[in-house]
Amino acid sequence: EYIISCDYGTANPSSFGLWGRKNDTWYRLREYYYNSRREGRQKTDAEYVADLKTLCGGITPQKIIVDPSAASFITALKNAGFCVEKADNDVLSGIRLTADMLKSGKIVICRGCEDTVREFSLYSWDEKSPGRDVPLKVNDHAMDEIRYFAAAISKETKRESLGAVWVERK
């Protein structure tokens, strides 16, 4: 099973992750990261869709989890035939969930995902918000799409683990 998570940006970087599941563990196999400020050129939605197809490398993802504010990109992905799910953008619970999944080994970052590793080392909190946990919105593009991914698979796991019991009475 394969899923792609996306944090879409035009002026800000775009980050896509290709995830594959083996048993109960999800692996971030490959990533795509494009920083238009660094490159000096913004891409179109069609160019990002083409880049996402290249990231797939012949793999057909079951779905693509996308930043919910990326309306035009979501439309472009749907027009290209992809199954798209808008991401849950609850930041603090998503951060906690991602941390728990990383710690427990439910999600693993593979070699070659250098922008992800770089962002993990740069992620920071706003010290000017005493008494509140507020992450700074810089160096967080791979972090956001990993958070989207963690929230989505967490919901699926909860649905899969649902059960029912009954008691027969005389």
N, C-alpha and C. Protein backbone atom coordinates (compact mmCIF):
# COMPACT_ATOMS: atom_id res chain seq x y z
N GLU A 1 0.86 -1.18 0.00
CA GLU A 1 0.00 0.00 0.00
C GLU A 1 0.90 1.23 0.00
N TYR A 2 0.51 2.23 -0.78
CA TYR A 2 1.28 3.47 -0.89
C TYR A 2 0.37 4.68 -0.75
N ILE A 3 0.88 5.71 -0.10
CA ILE A 3 0.18 6.98 0.08
C ILE A 3 1.19 8.10 -0.13
N ILE A 4 0.73 9.22 -0.66
CA ILE A 4 1.57 10.41 -0.77
C ILE A 4 0.95 11.49 0.11
N SER A 5 1.81 12.20 0.85
CA SER A 5 1.36 13.35 1.63
C SER A 5 1.99 14.60 1.02
N CYS A 6 1.23 15.70 1.02
CA CYS A 6 1.68 16.93 0.35
C CYS A 6 1.43 18.16 1.19
N ASP A 7 2.45 18.99 1.30
CA ASP A 7 2.28 20.37 1.77
C ASP A 7 2.62 21.23 0.56
N TYR A 8 1.63 21.92 0.04
CA TYR A 8 1.75 22.65 -1.21
C TYR A 8 2.05 24.11 -0.94
N GLY A 9 3.01 24.64 -1.68
CA GLY A 9 3.32 26.05 -1.57
C GLY A 9 3.65 26.65 -2.92
N THR A 10 3.36 27.92 -3.07
CA THR A 10 3.78 28.62 -4.29
C THR A 10 4.98 29.49 -3.94
N ALA A 11 4.81 30.43 -3.03
CA ALA A 11 5.94 31.23 -2.57
C ALA A 11 6.76 30.44 -1.54
N ASN A 12 6.07 29.68 -0.69
CA ASN A 12 6.75 28.81 0.27
C ASN A 12 7.08 27.47 -0.40
N PRO A 13 7.99 26.70 0.18
CA PRO A 13 8.33 25.40 -0.41
C PRO A 13 7.16 24.43 -0.45
N SER A 14 7.21 23.52 -1.41
CA SER A 14 6.29 22.39 -1.50
C SER A 14 7.07 21.14 -1.10
N SER A 15 6.42 20.28 -0.33
CA SER A 15 7.05 19.04 0.11
C SER A 15 6.06 17.91 -0.09
N PHE A 16 6.52 16.83 -0.74
CA PHE A 16 5.70 15.63 -0.96
C PHE A 16 6.48 14.43 -0.42
N GLY A 17 5.78 13.52 0.22
CA GLY A 17 6.40 12.30 0.71
C GLY A 17 5.70 11.08 0.17
N LEU A 18 6.46 10.12 -0.33
CA LEU A 18 5.91 8.83 -0.77
C LEU A 18 6.10 7.84 0.37
N TRP A 19 4.98 7.30 0.86
CA TRP A 19 4.97 6.38 1.99
C TRP A 19 4.54 4.99 1.52
N GLY A 20 5.21 3.97 2.03
CA GLY A 20 4.84 2.59 1.75
C GLY A 20 4.68 1.83 3.05
N ARG A 21 3.69 0.94 3.09
CA ARG A 21 3.45 0.18 4.31
C ARG A 21 3.93 -1.25 4.16
N LYS A 22 4.64 -1.72 5.19
CA LYS A 22 5.02 -3.11 5.31
C LYS A 22 4.58 -3.54 6.71
N ASN A 23 3.68 -4.53 6.75
CA ASN A 23 3.07 -4.96 8.00
C ASN A 23 2.39 -3.76 8.66
N ASP A 24 2.77 -3.42 9.88
CA ASP A 24 2.11 -2.30 10.57
C ASP A 24 2.96 -1.04 10.57
N THR A 25 4.01 -1.00 9.77
CA THR A 25 4.91 0.15 9.75
C THR A 25 4.83 0.86 8.41
N TRP A 26 4.78 2.19 8.47
CA TRP A 26 4.81 3.03 7.27
C TRP A 26 6.20 3.63 7.12
N TYR A 27 6.75 3.53 5.93
CA TYR A 27 8.09 4.02 5.63
C TYR A 27 8.00 5.20 4.66
N ARG A 28 8.69 6.28 4.99
CA ARG A 28 8.81 7.40 4.06
C ARG A 28 9.93 7.02 3.10
N LEU A 29 9.55 6.55 1.93
CA LEU A 29 10.50 5.97 0.99
C LEU A 29 11.28 7.03 0.21
N ARG A 30 10.54 8.03 -0.25
CA ARG A 30 11.15 9.09 -1.07
C ARG A 30 10.45 10.40 -0.76
N GLU A 31 11.13 11.48 -1.13
CA GLU A 31 10.52 12.78 -0.94
C GLU A 31 10.80 13.68 -2.14
N TYR A 32 9.99 14.71 -2.24
CA TYR A 32 10.16 15.77 -3.24
C TYR A 32 10.07 17.07 -2.46
N TYR A 33 10.99 17.98 -2.73
CA TYR A 33 11.01 19.26 -2.03
C TYR A 33 11.42 20.33 -3.03
N TYR A 34 10.57 21.34 -3.18
CA TYR A 34 10.88 22.43 -4.12
C TYR A 34 10.68 23.76 -3.42
N ASN A 35 11.74 24.56 -3.39
CA ASN A 35 11.71 25.87 -2.76
C ASN A 35 11.81 26.92 -3.87
N SER A 36 10.69 27.55 -4.20
CA SER A 36 10.65 28.50 -5.31
C SER A 36 11.52 29.74 -5.04
N ARG A 37 11.65 30.13 -3.80
CA ARG A 37 12.51 31.29 -3.48
C ARG A 37 13.97 30.96 -3.77
N ARG A 38 14.38 29.78 -3.37
CA ARG A 38 15.77 29.36 -3.59
C ARG A 38 16.05 29.17 -5.08
N GLU A 39 15.06 28.57 -5.78
CA GLU A 39 15.23 28.28 -7.21
C GLU A 39 14.99 29.50 -8.10
N GLY A 40 14.30 30.52 -7.56
CA GLY A 40 14.05 31.73 -8.33
C GLY A 40 12.92 31.60 -9.34
N ARG A 41 12.06 30.59 -9.17
CA ARG A 41 10.96 30.38 -10.11
C ARG A 41 9.84 29.61 -9.44
N GLN A 42 8.62 30.13 -9.57
CA GLN A 42 7.45 29.40 -9.08
C GLN A 42 7.00 28.40 -10.12
N LYS A 43 6.44 27.30 -9.66
CA LYS A 43 5.91 26.27 -10.57
C LYS A 43 4.39 26.38 -10.64
N THR A 44 3.84 25.85 -11.71
CA THR A 44 2.39 25.79 -11.87
C THR A 44 1.87 24.51 -11.21
N ASP A 45 0.55 24.45 -11.03
CA ASP A 45 -0.05 23.22 -10.51
C ASP A 45 0.27 22.04 -11.42
N ALA A 46 0.20 22.25 -12.72
CA ALA A 46 0.49 21.16 -13.68
C ALA A 46 1.93 20.66 -13.52
N GLU A 47 2.87 21.57 -13.27
CA GLU A 47 4.26 21.16 -13.07
C GLU A 47 4.40 20.35 -11.77
N TYR A 48 3.69 20.77 -10.73
CA TYR A 48 3.73 20.01 -9.48
C TYR A 48 3.11 18.63 -9.64
N VAL A 49 2.03 18.52 -10.41
CA VAL A 49 1.42 17.21 -10.67
C VAL A 49 2.42 16.31 -11.41
N ALA A 50 3.12 16.88 -12.38
CA ALA A 50 4.14 16.11 -13.12
C ALA A 50 5.26 15.68 -12.17
N ASP A 51 5.67 16.56 -11.27
CA ASP A 51 6.72 16.21 -10.30
C ASP A 51 6.24 15.10 -9.35
N LEU A 52 4.96 15.15 -8.98
CA LEU A 52 4.40 14.12 -8.11
C LEU A 52 4.40 12.77 -8.83
N LYS A 53 4.06 12.77 -10.11
CA LYS A 53 4.08 11.53 -10.89
C LYS A 53 5.50 10.96 -10.96
N THR A 54 6.49 11.84 -11.10
CA THR A 54 7.89 11.40 -11.11
C THR A 54 8.26 10.79 -9.76
N LEU A 55 7.81 11.42 -8.67
CA LEU A 55 8.07 10.89 -7.33
C LEU A 55 7.51 9.48 -7.20
N CYS A 56 6.34 9.24 -7.79
CA CYS A 56 5.71 7.91 -7.72
C CYS A 56 6.57 6.85 -8.39
N GLY A 57 7.27 7.20 -9.46
CA GLY A 57 8.16 6.25 -10.12
C GLY A 57 7.47 4.96 -10.53
N GLY A 58 6.27 5.06 -11.05
CA GLY A 58 5.55 3.86 -11.49
C GLY A 58 4.63 3.26 -10.44
N ILE A 59 4.70 3.75 -9.22
CA ILE A 59 3.82 3.29 -8.14
C ILE A 59 2.51 4.07 -8.22
N THR A 60 1.40 3.36 -8.01
CA THR A 60 0.10 4.02 -7.97
C THR A 60 -0.33 4.16 -6.52
N PRO A 61 -0.31 5.39 -5.98
CA PRO A 61 -0.72 5.56 -4.58
C PRO A 61 -2.23 5.37 -4.43
N GLN A 62 -2.63 4.81 -3.29
CA GLN A 62 -4.05 4.64 -3.01
C GLN A 62 -4.74 5.98 -2.87
N LYS A 63 -4.01 6.94 -2.29
CA LYS A 63 -4.55 8.29 -2.15
C LYS A 63 -3.42 9.28 -1.93
N ILE A 64 -3.80 10.54 -2.09
CA ILE A 64 -2.87 11.63 -1.85
C ILE A 64 -3.51 12.53 -0.80
N ILE A 65 -2.81 12.71 0.30
CA ILE A 65 -3.30 13.55 1.40
C ILE A 65 -2.68 14.93 1.20
N VAL A 66 -3.53 15.94 1.08
CA VAL A 66 -3.06 17.27 0.67
C VAL A 66 -3.48 18.34 1.67
N ASP A 67 -2.59 19.29 1.85
CA ASP A 67 -2.86 20.52 2.58
C ASP A 67 -4.26 21.01 2.18
N PRO A 68 -5.19 21.15 3.15
CA PRO A 68 -6.56 21.50 2.79
C PRO A 68 -6.72 22.88 2.15
N SER A 69 -5.74 23.76 2.32
CA SER A 69 -5.85 25.10 1.73
C SER A 69 -5.39 25.15 0.27
N ALA A 70 -4.92 24.03 -0.27
CA ALA A 70 -4.36 24.00 -1.64
C ALA A 70 -5.44 23.66 -2.67
N ALA A 71 -6.46 24.50 -2.76
CA ALA A 71 -7.64 24.21 -3.59
C ALA A 71 -7.29 23.97 -5.05
N SER A 72 -6.47 24.81 -5.64
CA SER A 72 -6.17 24.66 -7.07
C SER A 72 -5.33 23.40 -7.33
N PHE A 73 -4.43 23.07 -6.42
CA PHE A 73 -3.61 21.87 -6.57
C PHE A 73 -4.47 20.62 -6.40
N ILE A 74 -5.40 20.65 -5.46
CA ILE A 74 -6.32 19.52 -5.26
C ILE A 74 -7.11 19.27 -6.53
N THR A 75 -7.60 20.34 -7.16
CA THR A 75 -8.34 20.21 -8.41
C THR A 75 -7.46 19.62 -9.50
N ALA A 76 -6.22 20.08 -9.60
CA ALA A 76 -5.29 19.56 -10.62
C ALA A 76 -5.01 18.07 -10.40
N LEU A 77 -4.85 17.65 -9.14
CA LEU A 77 -4.62 16.24 -8.84
C LEU A 77 -5.84 15.38 -9.21
N LYS A 78 -7.02 15.86 -8.87
CA LYS A 78 -8.25 15.13 -9.22
C LYS A 78 -8.40 15.02 -10.73
N ASN A 79 -8.10 16.12 -11.44
CA ASN A 79 -8.18 16.10 -12.91
C ASN A 79 -7.17 15.12 -13.52
N ALA A 80 -6.07 14.87 -12.80
CA ALA A 80 -5.06 13.92 -13.27
C ALA A 80 -5.42 12.48 -12.89
N GLY A 81 -6.54 12.30 -12.20
CA GLY A 81 -7.01 10.95 -11.89
C GLY A 81 -6.62 10.43 -10.52
N PHE A 82 -6.06 11.26 -9.67
CA PHE A 82 -5.65 10.82 -8.34
C PHE A 82 -6.81 10.89 -7.36
N CYS A 83 -6.82 9.98 -6.41
CA CYS A 83 -7.77 10.01 -5.29
C CYS A 83 -7.16 10.94 -4.24
N VAL A 84 -7.87 12.00 -3.92
CA VAL A 84 -7.33 13.04 -3.03
C VAL A 84 -8.15 13.11 -1.75
N GLU A 85 -7.45 13.26 -0.64
CA GLU A 85 -8.08 13.45 0.67
C GLU A 85 -7.52 14.74 1.26
N LYS A 86 -8.40 15.63 1.70
CA LYS A 86 -7.95 16.85 2.37
C LYS A 86 -7.43 16.48 3.76
N ALA A 87 -6.29 17.03 4.10
CA ALA A 87 -5.62 16.70 5.36
C ALA A 87 -6.30 17.35 6.55
N ASP A 88 -6.16 16.71 7.69
CA ASP A 88 -6.54 17.28 8.98
C ASP A 88 -5.42 18.23 9.37
N ASN A 89 -5.75 19.49 9.61
CA ASN A 89 -4.72 20.49 9.87
C ASN A 89 -4.67 20.93 11.33
N ASP A 90 -5.03 20.04 12.26
CA ASP A 90 -4.93 20.34 13.68
C ASP A 90 -3.46 20.22 14.08
N VAL A 91 -2.81 21.36 14.27
CA VAL A 91 -1.35 21.39 14.43
C VAL A 91 -0.87 20.68 15.69
N LEU A 92 -1.33 21.09 16.86
CA LEU A 92 -0.76 20.55 18.10
C LEU A 92 -1.05 19.06 18.28
N SER A 93 -2.27 18.62 18.02
CA SER A 93 -2.54 17.19 18.16
C SER A 93 -1.79 16.41 17.09
N GLY A 94 -1.62 17.01 15.90
CA GLY A 94 -0.86 16.36 14.83
C GLY A 94 0.61 16.20 15.18
N ILE A 95 1.18 17.18 15.85
CA ILE A 95 2.58 17.10 16.28
C ILE A 95 2.74 15.99 17.31
N ARG A 96 1.84 15.95 18.27
CA ARG A 96 1.91 14.90 19.31
C ARG A 96 1.75 13.51 18.68
N LEU A 97 0.80 13.39 17.77
CA LEU A 97 0.55 12.12 17.10
C LEU A 97 1.77 11.67 16.30
N THR A 98 2.36 12.61 15.55
CA THR A 98 3.55 12.29 14.76
C THR A 98 4.70 11.85 15.66
N ALA A 99 4.92 12.58 16.75
CA ALA A 99 5.99 12.21 17.69
C ALA A 99 5.76 10.82 18.26
N ASP A 100 4.52 10.50 18.63
CA ASP A 100 4.21 9.18 19.18
C ASP A 100 4.46 8.09 18.13
N MET A 101 4.06 8.35 16.89
CA MET A 101 4.23 7.34 15.83
C MET A 101 5.70 7.14 15.48
N LEU A 102 6.49 8.20 15.50
CA LEU A 102 7.93 8.06 15.26
C LEU A 102 8.57 7.27 16.40
N LYS A 103 8.23 7.62 17.63
CA LYS A 103 8.82 6.96 18.79
C LYS A 103 8.47 5.48 18.84
N SER A 104 7.24 5.14 18.49
CA SER A 104 6.79 3.74 18.55
C SER A 104 7.20 2.93 17.32
N GLY A 105 7.75 3.59 16.30
CA GLY A 105 8.17 2.88 15.10
C GLY A 105 7.04 2.64 14.11
N LYS A 106 5.90 3.28 14.29
CA LYS A 106 4.78 3.14 13.35
C LYS A 106 5.08 3.85 12.03
N ILE A 107 5.87 4.94 12.11
CA ILE A 107 6.37 5.59 10.89
C ILE A 107 7.88 5.71 11.00
N VAL A 108 8.54 5.49 9.86
CA VAL A 108 10.01 5.48 9.79
C VAL A 108 10.43 6.33 8.60
N ILE A 109 11.45 7.14 8.81
CA ILE A 109 12.00 7.97 7.73
C ILE A 109 13.21 7.25 7.14
N CYS A 110 13.17 6.98 5.84
CA CYS A 110 14.25 6.24 5.18
C CYS A 110 15.38 7.17 4.73
N ARG A 111 16.53 6.54 4.47
CA ARG A 111 17.67 7.28 3.92
C ARG A 111 17.26 7.96 2.62
N GLY A 112 17.85 9.10 2.37
CA GLY A 112 17.55 9.83 1.15
C GLY A 112 16.51 10.92 1.35
N CYS A 113 15.84 10.94 2.50
CA CYS A 113 14.85 11.98 2.78
C CYS A 113 15.54 13.12 3.54
N GLU A 114 16.49 13.75 2.85
CA GLU A 114 17.36 14.74 3.48
C GLU A 114 16.65 16.01 3.91
N ASP A 115 15.67 16.47 3.12
CA ASP A 115 14.96 17.68 3.53
C ASP A 115 14.12 17.44 4.77
N THR A 116 13.60 16.24 4.92
CA THR A 116 12.86 15.88 6.13
C THR A 116 13.78 15.93 7.34
N VAL A 117 14.92 15.31 7.23
CA VAL A 117 15.87 15.29 8.35
C VAL A 117 16.33 16.72 8.67
N ARG A 118 16.58 17.51 7.63
CA ARG A 118 16.99 18.91 7.83
C ARG A 118 15.92 19.68 8.60
N GLU A 119 14.65 19.51 8.19
CA GLU A 119 13.57 20.24 8.86
C GLU A 119 13.36 19.78 10.29
N PHE A 120 13.53 18.48 10.55
CA PHE A 120 13.42 18.01 11.94
C PHE A 120 14.41 18.75 12.82
N SER A 121 15.59 19.01 12.30
CA SER A 121 16.61 19.68 13.11
C SER A 121 16.37 21.18 13.25
N LEU A 122 15.54 21.77 12.38
CA LEU A 122 15.28 23.21 12.41
C LEU A 122 13.93 23.59 13.02
N TYR A 123 13.06 22.61 13.23
CA TYR A 123 11.71 22.90 13.74
C TYR A 123 11.83 23.58 15.09
N SER A 124 11.08 24.67 15.30
CA SER A 124 11.21 25.41 16.55
C SER A 124 9.87 25.99 17.01
N TRP A 125 9.86 26.39 18.26
CA TRP A 125 8.66 26.89 18.91
C TRP A 125 8.81 28.38 19.20
N ASP A 126 7.70 29.09 19.19
CA ASP A 126 7.68 30.53 19.42
C ASP A 126 7.85 30.78 20.92
N GLU A 127 8.99 31.33 21.29
CA GLU A 127 9.27 31.61 22.70
C GLU A 127 8.52 32.83 23.20
N LYS A 128 7.92 33.60 22.30
CA LYS A 128 7.16 34.80 22.67
C LYS A 128 5.71 34.47 23.02
N SER A 129 5.38 33.20 23.05
CA SER A 129 4.03 32.77 23.42
C SER A 129 4.10 31.99 24.73
N PRO A 130 4.32 32.69 25.84
CA PRO A 130 4.44 31.99 27.13
C PRO A 130 3.13 31.30 27.50
N GLY A 131 3.29 30.10 28.03
CA GLY A 131 2.14 29.34 28.46
C GLY A 131 1.38 28.65 27.35
N ARG A 132 1.84 28.84 26.11
CA ARG A 132 1.17 28.19 24.97
C ARG A 132 2.23 27.56 24.08
N ASP A 133 1.91 26.41 23.53
CA ASP A 133 2.79 25.76 22.56
C ASP A 133 2.38 26.24 21.17
N VAL A 134 3.26 27.04 20.55
CA VAL A 134 2.99 27.56 19.22
C VAL A 134 4.24 27.35 18.36
N PRO A 135 4.17 26.47 17.37
CA PRO A 135 5.34 26.29 16.51
C PRO A 135 5.51 27.48 15.57
N LEU A 136 6.75 27.82 15.28
CA LEU A 136 7.02 28.87 14.29
C LEU A 136 6.73 28.31 12.90
N LYS A 137 6.16 29.12 12.04
CA LYS A 137 5.79 28.67 10.70
C LYS A 137 6.95 28.91 9.72
N VAL A 138 8.09 28.34 10.04
CA VAL A 138 9.27 28.36 9.16
C VAL A 138 9.90 26.97 9.21
N ASN A 139 10.53 26.56 8.13
CA ASN A 139 11.18 25.25 8.09
C ASN A 139 10.24 24.13 8.54
N ASP A 140 9.00 24.17 8.05
CA ASP A 140 8.01 23.22 8.55
C ASP A 140 7.21 22.53 7.43
N HIS A 141 7.69 22.57 6.23
CA HIS A 141 6.89 22.08 5.10
C HIS A 141 6.85 20.55 5.06
N ALA A 142 7.98 19.91 5.20
CA ALA A 142 7.99 18.45 5.32
C ALA A 142 7.31 18.05 6.63
N MET A 143 7.53 18.84 7.68
CA MET A 143 6.91 18.55 8.98
C MET A 143 5.38 18.58 8.87
N ASP A 144 4.85 19.56 8.14
CA ASP A 144 3.40 19.66 7.98
C ASP A 144 2.85 18.45 7.23
N GLU A 145 3.49 18.08 6.13
CA GLU A 145 2.91 16.96 5.37
C GLU A 145 3.10 15.63 6.09
N ILE A 146 4.12 15.48 6.92
CA ILE A 146 4.24 14.28 7.73
C ILE A 146 3.13 14.26 8.78
N ARG A 147 2.83 15.42 9.33
CA ARG A 147 1.73 15.55 10.30
C ARG A 147 0.40 15.20 9.64
N TYR A 148 0.19 15.66 8.40
CA TYR A 148 -1.04 15.31 7.67
C TYR A 148 -1.13 13.79 7.49
N PHE A 149 0.00 13.19 7.13
CA PHE A 149 0.04 11.74 6.92
C PHE A 149 -0.29 11.00 8.21
N ALA A 150 0.35 11.38 9.31
CA ALA A 150 0.14 10.71 10.60
C ALA A 150 -1.33 10.79 11.02
N ALA A 151 -1.94 11.94 10.85
CA ALA A 151 -3.35 12.09 11.22
C ALA A 151 -4.24 11.19 10.36
N ALA A 152 -3.95 11.11 9.08
CA ALA A 152 -4.76 10.29 8.18
C ALA A 152 -4.65 8.80 8.50
N ILE A 153 -3.45 8.31 8.72
CA ILE A 153 -3.32 6.87 8.99
C ILE A 153 -3.82 6.53 10.38
N SER A 154 -3.76 7.48 11.29
CA SER A 154 -4.29 7.26 12.63
C SER A 154 -5.80 7.05 12.57
N LYS A 155 -6.48 7.82 11.74
CA LYS A 155 -7.93 7.66 11.58
C LYS A 155 -8.26 6.31 10.98
N GLU A 156 -7.47 5.86 10.00
CA GLU A 156 -7.70 4.55 9.38
C GLU A 156 -7.49 3.43 10.37
N THR A 157 -6.45 3.54 11.20
CA THR A 157 -6.16 2.51 12.20
C THR A 157 -7.30 2.41 13.19
N LYS A 158 -7.85 3.57 13.58
CA LYS A 158 -8.97 3.55 14.52
C LYS A 158 -10.18 2.88 13.88
N ARG A 159 -10.43 3.15 12.58
CA ARG A 159 -11.56 2.52 11.90
C ARG A 159 -11.35 1.02 11.79
N GLU A 160 -10.12 0.59 11.47
CA GLU A 160 -9.84 -0.84 11.30
C GLU A 160 -9.95 -1.60 12.60
N SER A 161 -9.69 -0.93 13.73
CA SER A 161 -9.68 -1.65 15.00
C SER A 161 -11.05 -1.67 15.66
N LEU A 162 -12.05 -1.15 15.00
CA LEU A 162 -13.40 -1.17 15.54
C LEU A 162 -13.91 -2.60 15.60
N GLY A 163 -14.58 -2.94 16.66
CA GLY A 163 -15.12 -4.28 16.78
C GLY A 163 -16.51 -4.26 17.39
N ALA A 164 -17.13 -5.39 17.38
CA ALA A 164 -18.47 -5.50 17.95
C ALA A 164 -18.58 -6.82 18.69
N VAL A 165 -19.35 -6.82 19.75
CA VAL A 165 -19.61 -8.04 20.51
C VAL A 165 -21.09 -8.08 20.84
N TRP A 166 -21.53 -9.28 21.09
CA TRP A 166 -22.92 -9.42 21.51
C TRP A 166 -23.00 -10.51 22.54
N VAL A 167 -24.07 -10.47 23.29
CA VAL A 167 -24.34 -11.49 24.29
C VAL A 167 -25.71 -12.06 23.98
N GLU A 168 -25.78 -13.38 23.90
CA GLU A 168 -27.06 -14.03 23.65
C GLU A 168 -27.75 -14.23 24.98
N ARG A 169 -28.99 -13.81 25.04
CA ARG A 169 -29.75 -13.97 26.28
C ARG A 169 -30.85 -14.99 26.08
N LYS A 170 -31.17 -15.69 27.14
CA LYS A 170 -32.23 -16.70 27.07
C LYS A 170 -33.57 -16.10 27.39
